[in-house]
Amino acid sequence: FLLALLPLIRIVVWAVLDKMGANPLEWMTRNTGSW
């Protein structure tokens, strides 16, 4: 359960740190779909 939450935690952390690149929405869309 905790491991499966890691992708979501990563998205939140990268959003806070502004590390999602020039197009954050595309990055989040791509990552959620991949996972």
All heavy atoms as atom14 arrays in JSON, in Angstrom:
{
  "sequence": "FLLALLPLIRIVVWAVLDKMGANPLEWMTRNTGSW",
  "atom14_mask": [
    [1, 1, 1, 1, 1, 1, 1, 1, 1, 1, 1, 0, 0, 0],
    [1, 1, 1, 1, 1, 1, 1, 1, 0, 0, 0, 0, 0, 0],
    [1, 1, 1, 1, 1, 1, 1, 1, 0, 0, 0, 0, 0, 0],
    [1, 1, 1, 1, 1, 0, 0, 0, 0, 0, 0, 0, 0, 0],
    [1, 1, 1, 1, 1, 1, 1, 1, 0, 0, 0, 0, 0, 0],
    [1, 1, 1, 1, 1, 1, 1, 1, 0, 0, 0, 0, 0, 0],
    [1, 1, 1, 1, 1, 1, 1, 0, 0, 0, 0, 0, 0, 0],
    [1, 1, 1, 1, 1, 1, 1, 1, 0, 0, 0, 0, 0, 0],
    [1, 1, 1, 1, 1, 1, 1, 1, 0, 0, 0, 0, 0, 0],
    [1, 1, 1, 1, 1, 1, 1, 1, 1, 1, 1, 0, 0, 0],
    [1, 1, 1, 1, 1, 1, 1, 1, 0, 0, 0, 0, 0, 0],
    [1, 1, 1, 1, 1, 1, 1, 0, 0, 0, 0, 0, 0, 0],
    [1, 1, 1, 1, 1, 1, 1, 0, 0, 0, 0, 0, 0, 0],
    [1, 1, 1, 1, 1, 1, 1, 1, 1, 1, 1, 1, 1, 1],
    [1, 1, 1, 1, 1, 0, 0, 0, 0, 0, 0, 0, 0, 0],
    [1, 1, 1, 1, 1, 1, 1, 0, 0, 0, 0, 0, 0, 0],
    [1, 1, 1, 1, 1, 1, 1, 1, 0, 0, 0, 0, 0, 0],
    [1, 1, 1, 1, 1, 1, 1, 1, 0, 0, 0, 0, 0, 0],
    [1, 1, 1, 1, 1, 1, 1, 1, 1, 0, 0, 0, 0, 0],
    [1, 1, 1, 1, 1, 1, 1, 1, 0, 0, 0, 0, 0, 0],
    [1, 1, 1, 1, 0, 0, 0, 0, 0, 0, 0, 0, 0, 0],
    [1, 1, 1, 1, 1, 0, 0, 0, 0, 0, 0, 0, 0, 0],
    [1, 1, 1, 1, 1, 1, 1, 1, 0, 0, 0, 0, 0, 0],
    [1, 1, 1, 1, 1, 1, 1, 0, 0, 0, 0, 0, 0, 0],
    [1, 1, 1, 1, 1, 1, 1, 1, 0, 0, 0, 0, 0, 0],
    [1, 1, 1, 1, 1, 1, 1, 1, 1, 0, 0, 0, 0, 0],
    [1, 1, 1, 1, 1, 1, 1, 1, 1, 1, 1, 1, 1, 1],
    [1, 1, 1, 1, 1, 1, 1, 1, 0, 0, 0, 0, 0, 0],
    [1, 1, 1, 1, 1, 1, 1, 0, 0, 0, 0, 0, 0, 0],
    [1, 1, 1, 1, 1, 1, 1, 1, 1, 1, 1, 0, 0, 0],
    [1, 1, 1, 1, 1, 1, 1, 1, 0, 0, 0, 0, 0, 0],
    [1, 1, 1, 1, 1, 1, 1, 0, 0, 0, 0, 0, 0, 0],
    [1, 1, 1, 1, 0, 0, 0, 0, 0, 0, 0, 0, 0, 0],
    [1, 1, 1, 1, 1, 1, 0, 0, 0, 0, 0, 0, 0, 0],
    [1, 1, 1, 1, 1, 1, 1, 1, 1, 1, 1, 1, 1, 1]
  ],
  "atom14_positions": [
    [[0.83, -1.2, 0.0], [0.0, 0.0, 0.0], [0.87, 1.26, 0.0], [0.65, 2.19, -0.78], [-0.92, -0.02, 1.22], [-1.85, 1.16, 1.31], [-3.08, 1.13, 0.67], [-1.49, 2.3, 2.03], [-3.95, 2.21, 0.74], [-2.35, 3.38, 2.11], [-3.58, 3.34, 1.47], [0.0, 0.0, 0.0], [0.0, 0.0, 0.0], [0.0, 0.0, 0.0]],
    [[1.88, 1.27, 0.87], [2.76, 2.44, 0.96], [3.58, 2.62, -0.32], [3.78, 3.74, -0.79], [3.68, 2.31, 2.18], [2.97, 2.35, 3.54], [3.97, 2.09, 4.66], [2.27, 3.69, 3.75], [0.0, 0.0, 0.0], [0.0, 0.0, 0.0], [0.0, 0.0, 0.0], [0.0, 0.0, 0.0], [0.0, 0.0, 0.0], [0.0, 0.0, 0.0]],
    [[4.06, 1.51, -0.87], [4.81, 1.59, -2.13], [3.95, 2.12, -3.26], [4.42, 2.91, -4.1], [5.37, 0.21, -2.49], [6.55, -0.29, -1.67], [6.85, -1.76, -2.0], [7.79, 0.57, -1.9], [0.0, 0.0, 0.0], [0.0, 0.0, 0.0], [0.0, 0.0, 0.0], [0.0, 0.0, 0.0], [0.0, 0.0, 0.0], [0.0, 0.0, 0.0]],
    [[2.69, 1.7, -3.29], [1.79, 2.15, -4.35], [1.45, 3.63, -4.22], [1.03, 4.26, -5.19], [0.51, 1.31, -4.34], [0.0, 0.0, 0.0], [0.0, 0.0, 0.0], [0.0, 0.0, 0.0], [0.0, 0.0, 0.0], [0.0, 0.0, 0.0], [0.0, 0.0, 0.0], [0.0, 0.0, 0.0], [0.0, 0.0, 0.0], [0.0, 0.0, 0.0]],
    [[1.62, 4.19, -3.03], [1.38, 5.62, -2.83], [2.57, 6.48, -3.24], [2.43, 7.69, -3.4], [1.05, 5.89, -1.36], [-0.36, 5.59, -0.88], [-0.48, 5.9, 0.61], [-1.39, 6.4, -1.66], [0.0, 0.0, 0.0], [0.0, 0.0, 0.0], [0.0, 0.0, 0.0], [0.0, 0.0, 0.0], [0.0, 0.0, 0.0], [0.0, 0.0, 0.0]],
    [[3.74, 5.87, -3.4], [4.95, 6.64, -3.7], [4.83, 7.49, -4.96], [5.3, 8.64, -4.97], [6.15, 5.7, -3.8], [6.7, 5.16, -2.47], [7.88, 4.24, -2.72], [7.1, 6.3, -1.53], [0.0, 0.0, 0.0], [0.0, 0.0, 0.0], [0.0, 0.0, 0.0], [0.0, 0.0, 0.0], [0.0, 0.0, 0.0], [0.0, 0.0, 0.0]],
    [[4.24, 6.98, -6.06], [4.11, 7.85, -7.24], [3.31, 9.12, -6.96], [3.65, 10.2, -7.45], [3.39, 6.96, -8.26], [3.75, 5.57, -7.86], [3.81, 5.6, -6.36], [0.0, 0.0, 0.0], [0.0, 0.0, 0.0], [0.0, 0.0, 0.0], [0.0, 0.0, 0.0], [0.0, 0.0, 0.0], [0.0, 0.0, 0.0], [0.0, 0.0, 0.0]],
    [[2.25, 8.99, -6.15], [1.46, 10.17, -5.8], [2.27, 11.12, -4.93], [2.24, 12.35, -5.14], [0.19, 9.75, -5.06], [-0.72, 10.88, -4.58], [-1.23, 11.69, -5.75], [-1.88, 10.33, -3.75], [0.0, 0.0, 0.0], [0.0, 0.0, 0.0], [0.0, 0.0, 0.0], [0.0, 0.0, 0.0], [0.0, 0.0, 0.0], [0.0, 0.0, 0.0]],
    [[3.0, 10.57, -3.97], [3.85, 11.4, -3.11], [4.89, 12.13, -3.94], [5.17, 13.32, -3.74], [4.51, 10.55, -2.01], [3.43, 9.98, -1.08], [5.54, 11.35, -1.23], [3.96, 8.94, -0.1], [0.0, 0.0, 0.0], [0.0, 0.0, 0.0], [0.0, 0.0, 0.0], [0.0, 0.0, 0.0], [0.0, 0.0, 0.0], [0.0, 0.0, 0.0]],
    [[5.47, 11.43, -4.91], [6.47, 12.04, -5.79], [5.87, 13.21, -6.57], [6.5, 14.27, -6.7], [7.02, 10.99, -6.76], [8.0, 11.53, -7.79], [8.58, 10.38, -8.58], [9.46, 10.84, -9.65], [9.12, 10.88, -10.93], [7.91, 10.47, -11.29], [9.96, 11.29, -11.84], [0.0, 0.0, 0.0], [0.0, 0.0, 0.0], [0.0, 0.0, 0.0]],
    [[4.67, 13.03, -7.08], [4.01, 14.11, -7.83], [3.81, 15.33, -6.94], [4.09, 16.46, -7.34], [2.67, 13.61, -8.4], [2.91, 12.6, -9.53], [1.84, 14.79, -8.91], [1.65, 11.93, -10.04], [0.0, 0.0, 0.0], [0.0, 0.0, 0.0], [0.0, 0.0, 0.0], [0.0, 0.0, 0.0], [0.0, 0.0, 0.0], [0.0, 0.0, 0.0]],
    [[3.34, 15.09, -5.71], [3.09, 16.2, -4.79], [4.4, 16.91, -4.44], [4.48, 18.14, -4.46], [2.38, 15.7, -3.52], [2.29, 16.81, -2.47], [0.99, 15.16, -3.85], [0.0, 0.0, 0.0], [0.0, 0.0, 0.0], [0.0, 0.0, 0.0], [0.0, 0.0, 0.0], [0.0, 0.0, 0.0], [0.0, 0.0, 0.0], [0.0, 0.0, 0.0]],
    [[5.43, 16.12, -4.13], [6.71, 16.71, -3.75], [7.31, 17.51, -4.91], [7.78, 18.64, -4.73], [7.69, 15.62, -3.28], [9.09, 16.19, -3.1], [7.2, 15.01, -1.97], [0.0, 0.0, 0.0], [0.0, 0.0, 0.0], [0.0, 0.0, 0.0], [0.0, 0.0, 0.0], [0.0, 0.0, 0.0], [0.0, 0.0, 0.0], [0.0, 0.0, 0.0]],
    [[7.28, 16.94, -6.1], [7.84, 17.65, -7.25], [7.03, 18.89, -7.58], [7.59, 19.88, -8.06], [7.91, 16.7, -8.46], [9.09, 15.78, -8.41], [9.58, 15.15, -7.3], [9.92, 15.38, -9.49], [10.65, 14.37, -7.63], [10.89, 14.49, -8.97], [9.93, 15.66, -10.85], [11.86, 13.91, -9.75], [10.89, 15.06, -11.64], [11.85, 14.21, -11.1]],
    [[5.71, 18.86, -7.32], [4.89, 20.05, -7.54], [5.3, 21.15, -6.56], [5.44, 22.32, -6.95], [3.42, 19.71, -7.38], [0.0, 0.0, 0.0], [0.0, 0.0, 0.0], [0.0, 0.0, 0.0], [0.0, 0.0, 0.0], [0.0, 0.0, 0.0], [0.0, 0.0, 0.0], [0.0, 0.0, 0.0], [0.0, 0.0, 0.0], [0.0, 0.0, 0.0]],
    [[5.52, 20.79, -5.3], [5.93, 21.77, -4.29], [7.3, 22.34, -4.61], [7.55, 23.55, -4.45], [5.92, 21.13, -2.89], [6.54, 22.06, -1.85], [4.5, 20.75, -2.48], [0.0, 0.0, 0.0], [0.0, 0.0, 0.0], [0.0, 0.0, 0.0], [0.0, 0.0, 0.0], [0.0, 0.0, 0.0], [0.0, 0.0, 0.0], [0.0, 0.0, 0.0]],
    [[8.2, 21.49, -5.09], [9.57, 21.92, -5.4], [9.7, 22.52, -6.8], [10.81, 22.92, -7.19], [10.53, 20.74, -5.26], [10.63, 20.11, -3.86], [11.57, 18.91, -3.88], [11.1, 21.15, -2.84], [0.0, 0.0, 0.0], [0.0, 0.0, 0.0], [0.0, 0.0, 0.0], [0.0, 0.0, 0.0], [0.0, 0.0, 0.0], [0.0, 0.0, 0.0]],
    [[8.59, 22.54, -7.54], [8.58, 23.09, -8.9], [9.62, 22.39, -9.79], [10.42, 23.03, -10.46], [8.84, 24.6, -8.85], [8.52, 25.28, -10.18], [7.75, 24.69, -10.96], [9.05, 26.37, -10.44], [0.0, 0.0, 0.0], [0.0, 0.0, 0.0], [0.0, 0.0, 0.0], [0.0, 0.0, 0.0], [0.0, 0.0, 0.0], [0.0, 0.0, 0.0]],
    [[9.57, 21.06, -9.78], [10.53, 20.26, -10.56], [9.87, 19.51, -11.72], [10.44, 18.56, -12.24], [11.24, 19.26, -9.64], [12.14, 19.89, -8.6], [12.82, 18.84, -7.74], [13.71, 17.93, -8.54], [14.43, 16.95, -7.7], [0.0, 0.0, 0.0], [0.0, 0.0, 0.0], [0.0, 0.0, 0.0], [0.0, 0.0, 0.0], [0.0, 0.0, 0.0]],
    [[8.67, 19.96, -12.13], [7.94, 19.22, -13.15], [8.18, 19.73, -14.56], [7.51, 19.31, -15.5], [6.44, 19.23, -12.82], [6.1, 18.45, -11.57], [4.33, 18.3, -11.28], [3.91, 20.01, -10.89], [0.0, 0.0, 0.0], [0.0, 0.0, 0.0], [0.0, 0.0, 0.0], [0.0, 0.0, 0.0], [0.0, 0.0, 0.0], [0.0, 0.0, 0.0]],
    [[9.13, 20.62, -14.71], [9.49, 21.08, -16.05], [8.63, 22.23, -16.53], [7.87, 22.85, -15.78], [0.0, 0.0, 0.0], [0.0, 0.0, 0.0], [0.0, 0.0, 0.0], [0.0, 0.0, 0.0], [0.0, 0.0, 0.0], [0.0, 0.0, 0.0], [0.0, 0.0, 0.0], [0.0, 0.0, 0.0], [0.0, 0.0, 0.0], [0.0, 0.0, 0.0]],
    [[8.75, 22.49, -17.84], [8.08, 23.65, -18.42], [6.58, 23.46, -18.52], [5.83, 24.44, -18.57], [8.65, 23.93, -19.82], [0.0, 0.0, 0.0], [0.0, 0.0, 0.0], [0.0, 0.0, 0.0], [0.0, 0.0, 0.0], [0.0, 0.0, 0.0], [0.0, 0.0, 0.0], [0.0, 0.0, 0.0], [0.0, 0.0, 0.0], [0.0, 0.0, 0.0]],
    [[6.12, 22.19, -18.58], [4.69, 21.91, -18.71], [4.26, 20.96, -17.58], [4.18, 19.74, -17.79], [4.38, 21.3, -20.08], [2.9, 21.29, -20.39], [2.07, 21.28, -19.48], [2.56, 21.29, -21.66], [0.0, 0.0, 0.0], [0.0, 0.0, 0.0], [0.0, 0.0, 0.0], [0.0, 0.0, 0.0], [0.0, 0.0, 0.0], [0.0, 0.0, 0.0]],
    [[3.99, 21.49, -16.4], [3.66, 20.64, -15.25], [2.41, 19.77, -15.47], [2.39, 18.62, -15.02], [3.42, 21.64, -14.12], [4.11, 22.88, -14.55], [4.02, 22.92, -16.03], [0.0, 0.0, 0.0], [0.0, 0.0, 0.0], [0.0, 0.0, 0.0], [0.0, 0.0, 0.0], [0.0, 0.0, 0.0], [0.0, 0.0, 0.0], [0.0, 0.0, 0.0]],
    [[1.41, 20.3, -16.16], [0.18, 19.54, -16.38], [0.44, 18.32, -17.26], [-0.07, 17.23, -17.0], [-0.89, 20.44, -16.99], [-1.31, 21.63, -16.14], [-2.38, 22.44, -16.84], [-1.8, 21.17, -14.77], [0.0, 0.0, 0.0], [0.0, 0.0, 0.0], [0.0, 0.0, 0.0], [0.0, 0.0, 0.0], [0.0, 0.0, 0.0], [0.0, 0.0, 0.0]],
    [[1.24, 18.51, -18.3], [1.59, 17.37, -19.16], [2.39, 16.34, -18.38], [2.2, 15.13, -18.53], [2.38, 17.86, -20.37], [2.76, 16.73, -21.33], [3.61, 17.21, -22.49], [3.81, 18.43, -22.62], [4.08, 16.35, -23.26], [0.0, 0.0, 0.0], [0.0, 0.0, 0.0], [0.0, 0.0, 0.0], [0.0, 0.0, 0.0], [0.0, 0.0, 0.0]],
    [[3.3, 16.81, -17.52], [4.12, 15.91, -16.71], [3.25, 15.08, -15.79], [3.41, 13.86, -15.67], [5.13, 16.72, -15.91], [6.13, 15.89, -15.16], [7.34, 15.46, -15.6], [5.99, 15.39, -13.82], [7.97, 14.72, -14.64], [7.17, 14.66, -13.53], [5.0, 15.48, -12.86], [7.37, 14.04, -12.31], [5.19, 14.85, -11.63], [6.37, 14.14, -11.37]],
    [[2.29, 15.72, -15.12], [1.4, 14.99, -14.21], [0.5, 14.03, -14.97], [0.27, 12.9, -14.53], [0.57, 15.98, -13.39], [1.34, 16.7, -12.31], [0.27, 17.63, -11.17], [-0.29, 18.95, -12.25], [0.0, 0.0, 0.0], [0.0, 0.0, 0.0], [0.0, 0.0, 0.0], [0.0, 0.0, 0.0], [0.0, 0.0, 0.0], [0.0, 0.0, 0.0]],
    [[-0.01, 14.46, -16.12], [-0.87, 13.6, -16.92], [-0.11, 12.36, -17.38], [-0.6, 11.23, -17.29], [-1.41, 14.37, -18.13], [-2.13, 15.52, -17.68], [-2.35, 13.49, -18.96], [0.0, 0.0, 0.0], [0.0, 0.0, 0.0], [0.0, 0.0, 0.0], [0.0, 0.0, 0.0], [0.0, 0.0, 0.0], [0.0, 0.0, 0.0], [0.0, 0.0, 0.0]],
    [[1.11, 12.57, -17.86], [1.93, 11.46, -18.35], [2.28, 10.49, -17.21], [2.21, 9.26, -17.38], [3.2, 12.0, -19.0], [4.06, 10.92, -19.65], [5.24, 11.52, -20.39], [6.16, 12.19, -19.47], [6.34, 13.5, -19.43], [5.65, 14.3, -20.22], [7.21, 14.04, -18.58], [0.0, 0.0, 0.0], [0.0, 0.0, 0.0], [0.0, 0.0, 0.0]],
    [[2.64, 11.03, -16.05], [3.05, 10.17, -14.94], [1.89, 9.37, -14.37], [2.05, 8.17, -14.07], [3.7, 11.02, -13.84], [5.19, 11.19, -14.05], [5.99, 10.45, -13.51], [5.57, 12.17, -14.88], [0.0, 0.0, 0.0], [0.0, 0.0, 0.0], [0.0, 0.0, 0.0], [0.0, 0.0, 0.0], [0.0, 0.0, 0.0], [0.0, 0.0, 0.0]],
    [[0.75, 9.99, -14.19], [-0.39, 9.24, -13.66], [-0.82, 8.14, -14.63], [-1.16, 7.03, -14.22], [-1.58, 10.17, -13.36], [-1.86, 11.0, -14.52], [-1.28, 11.07, -12.17], [0.0, 0.0, 0.0], [0.0, 0.0, 0.0], [0.0, 0.0, 0.0], [0.0, 0.0, 0.0], [0.0, 0.0, 0.0], [0.0, 0.0, 0.0], [0.0, 0.0, 0.0]],
    [[-0.79, 8.44, -15.93], [-1.13, 7.42, -16.92], [-0.13, 6.28, -16.93], [-0.51, 5.1, -17.02], [0.0, 0.0, 0.0], [0.0, 0.0, 0.0], [0.0, 0.0, 0.0], [0.0, 0.0, 0.0], [0.0, 0.0, 0.0], [0.0, 0.0, 0.0], [0.0, 0.0, 0.0], [0.0, 0.0, 0.0], [0.0, 0.0, 0.0], [0.0, 0.0, 0.0]],
    [[1.16, 6.62, -16.84], [2.19, 5.58, -16.84], [2.05, 4.66, -15.63], [2.13, 3.43, -15.77], [3.59, 6.21, -16.85], [3.8, 6.93, -18.06], [0.0, 0.0, 0.0], [0.0, 0.0, 0.0], [0.0, 0.0, 0.0], [0.0, 0.0, 0.0], [0.0, 0.0, 0.0], [0.0, 0.0, 0.0], [0.0, 0.0, 0.0], [0.0, 0.0, 0.0]],
    [[1.84, 5.23, -14.45], [1.71, 4.41, -13.27], [0.44, 3.57, -13.28], [0.42, 2.45, -12.75], [1.81, 5.25, -12.01], [3.23, 5.54, -11.67], [3.92, 6.71, -11.87], [4.17, 4.61, -11.12], [5.22, 6.56, -11.48], [5.42, 5.28, -11.01], [4.09, 3.28, -10.72], [6.55, 4.66, -10.52], [5.24, 2.66, -10.22], [6.44, 3.35, -10.12]]
  ]
}
